[in-house]
Amino acid sequence: MTTMTATRRDRKIIRPAHGVARLTLHINGTSYALRRIPADPSIALKAFRLRKADGTAYYVAATEHGPVCDCPDFTFHRDGIDPAGCKHIRALAAVGLMSEK
């Protein structure tokens, strides 16, 4: 009488996921490549770079005094005047990446 033993196939090794993830934020018909960037903790809690296809980039940061952006609209028209900020700040707030206040 012969005994047969069933052998298990070796399980497939699962490798960590790899690749590139990109976020695109559309504001009033303009696409911005969105990237979270390192922030100096003494200056900002978090920071983002929004870059248009033509290479123009705007930097938005969440500071202890509220969000700031280096776009001309925020710099010349909204800084200290409009608590909601510029369209870049409002868009990041709309998708839950930053608060307006």
Protein backbone atom coordinates (compact mmCIF):
# COMPACT_ATOMS: atom_id res chain seq x y z
CA MET A 1 0.00 0.00 0.00
CA THR A 2 1.41 3.35 -0.97
CA THR A 3 0.70 6.56 0.84
CA MET A 4 0.22 9.73 -1.17
CA THR A 5 0.78 13.06 0.46
CA ALA A 6 -0.52 16.22 -1.03
CA THR A 7 2.08 18.94 -1.39
CA ARG A 8 1.15 22.55 -1.10
CA ARG A 9 2.27 24.94 -3.72
CA ASP A 10 4.47 27.67 -2.40
CA ARG A 11 2.50 30.81 -1.87
CA LYS A 12 3.24 33.70 -4.12
CA ILE A 13 5.32 36.37 -2.45
CA ILE A 14 3.48 39.67 -2.33
CA ARG A 15 5.76 42.57 -3.04
CA PRO A 16 5.16 46.09 -1.76
CA ALA A 17 3.23 48.36 -4.08
CA HIS A 18 5.33 50.61 -6.25
CA GLY A 19 4.71 53.31 -8.75
CA VAL A 20 3.87 56.96 -8.80
CA ALA A 21 0.70 58.62 -7.58
CA ARG A 22 -0.24 62.07 -8.82
CA LEU A 23 -2.94 64.45 -7.70
CA THR A 24 -4.43 66.99 -10.07
CA LEU A 25 -6.57 69.82 -8.77
CA HIS A 26 -8.86 71.63 -11.22
CA ILE A 27 -9.69 75.22 -10.32
CA ASN A 28 -11.97 77.18 -12.64
CA GLY A 29 -10.91 75.10 -15.65
CA THR A 30 -7.18 75.25 -14.90
CA SER A 31 -5.34 72.07 -13.95
CA TYR A 32 -2.74 72.17 -11.20
CA ALA A 33 -0.37 69.34 -10.34
CA LEU A 34 -0.63 69.12 -6.57
CA ARG A 35 2.22 67.98 -4.37
CA ARG A 36 2.63 68.06 -0.62
CA ILE A 37 6.06 69.43 0.22
CA PRO A 38 8.08 69.31 3.44
CA ALA A 39 7.33 72.18 5.78
CA ASP A 40 9.60 73.68 8.40
CA PRO A 41 7.66 73.04 11.65
CA SER A 42 8.67 76.42 13.04
CA ILE A 43 6.96 78.12 10.08
CA ALA A 44 4.11 75.92 8.83
CA LEU A 45 2.17 72.82 9.80
CA LYS A 46 1.93 71.61 6.19
CA ALA A 47 2.64 72.99 2.74
CA PHE A 48 1.63 72.30 -0.85
CA ARG A 49 2.89 73.23 -4.30
CA LEU A 50 0.34 73.79 -7.05
CA ARG A 51 1.93 73.85 -10.51
CA LYS A 52 0.19 74.75 -13.75
CA ALA A 53 1.09 73.18 -17.10
CA ASP A 54 3.03 76.30 -18.13
CA GLY A 55 5.34 75.82 -15.13
CA THR A 56 3.90 78.55 -12.92
CA ALA A 57 3.92 77.32 -9.33
CA TYR A 58 2.19 78.62 -6.22
CA TYR A 59 3.02 77.58 -2.69
CA VAL A 60 0.33 77.30 -0.03
CA ALA A 61 1.10 76.73 3.64
CA ALA A 62 -0.97 76.21 6.77
CA THR A 63 0.57 78.40 9.49
CA GLU A 64 -0.49 79.01 13.07
CA HIS A 65 -1.97 82.33 11.90
CA GLY A 66 -3.97 80.72 9.08
CA PRO A 67 -3.28 79.63 5.53
CA VAL A 68 -1.05 81.68 3.23
CA CYS A 69 -0.37 81.55 -0.50
CA ASP A 70 2.29 83.27 -2.59
CA CYS A 71 -0.01 83.96 -5.55
CA PRO A 72 -0.49 87.63 -6.54
CA ASP A 73 -4.20 87.59 -5.65
CA PHE A 74 -3.50 86.54 -2.06
CA THR A 75 -0.44 88.77 -1.70
CA PHE A 76 -2.02 91.97 -2.98
CA HIS A 77 -5.76 91.57 -2.35
CA ARG A 78 -6.57 89.03 0.36
CA ASP A 79 -3.76 88.72 2.91
CA GLY A 80 -5.21 89.95 6.20
CA ILE A 81 -8.42 91.12 4.48
CA ASP A 82 -10.31 88.05 3.24
CA PRO A 83 -10.30 85.19 5.80
CA ALA A 84 -11.31 82.67 3.10
CA GLY A 85 -8.11 83.37 1.17
CA CYS A 86 -7.43 82.96 -2.54
CA LYS A 87 -8.83 80.33 -4.89
CA HIS A 88 -5.88 78.03 -4.17
CA ILE A 89 -6.56 78.01 -0.43
CA ARG A 90 -10.31 77.59 -0.97
CA ALA A 91 -9.73 74.68 -3.38
CA LEU A 92 -7.42 72.87 -0.94
CA ALA A 93 -10.01 73.42 1.79
CA ALA A 94 -12.79 72.11 -0.48
CA VAL A 95 -11.01 68.79 -0.93
CA GLY A 96 -10.13 68.53 2.77
CA LEU A 97 -6.39 69.11 2.58
CA MET A 98 -6.42 72.41 4.44
CA SER A 99 -8.77 74.48 6.54
CA GLU A 100 -9.62 78.03 5.53
CA LYS A 101 -9.04 79.37 9.04
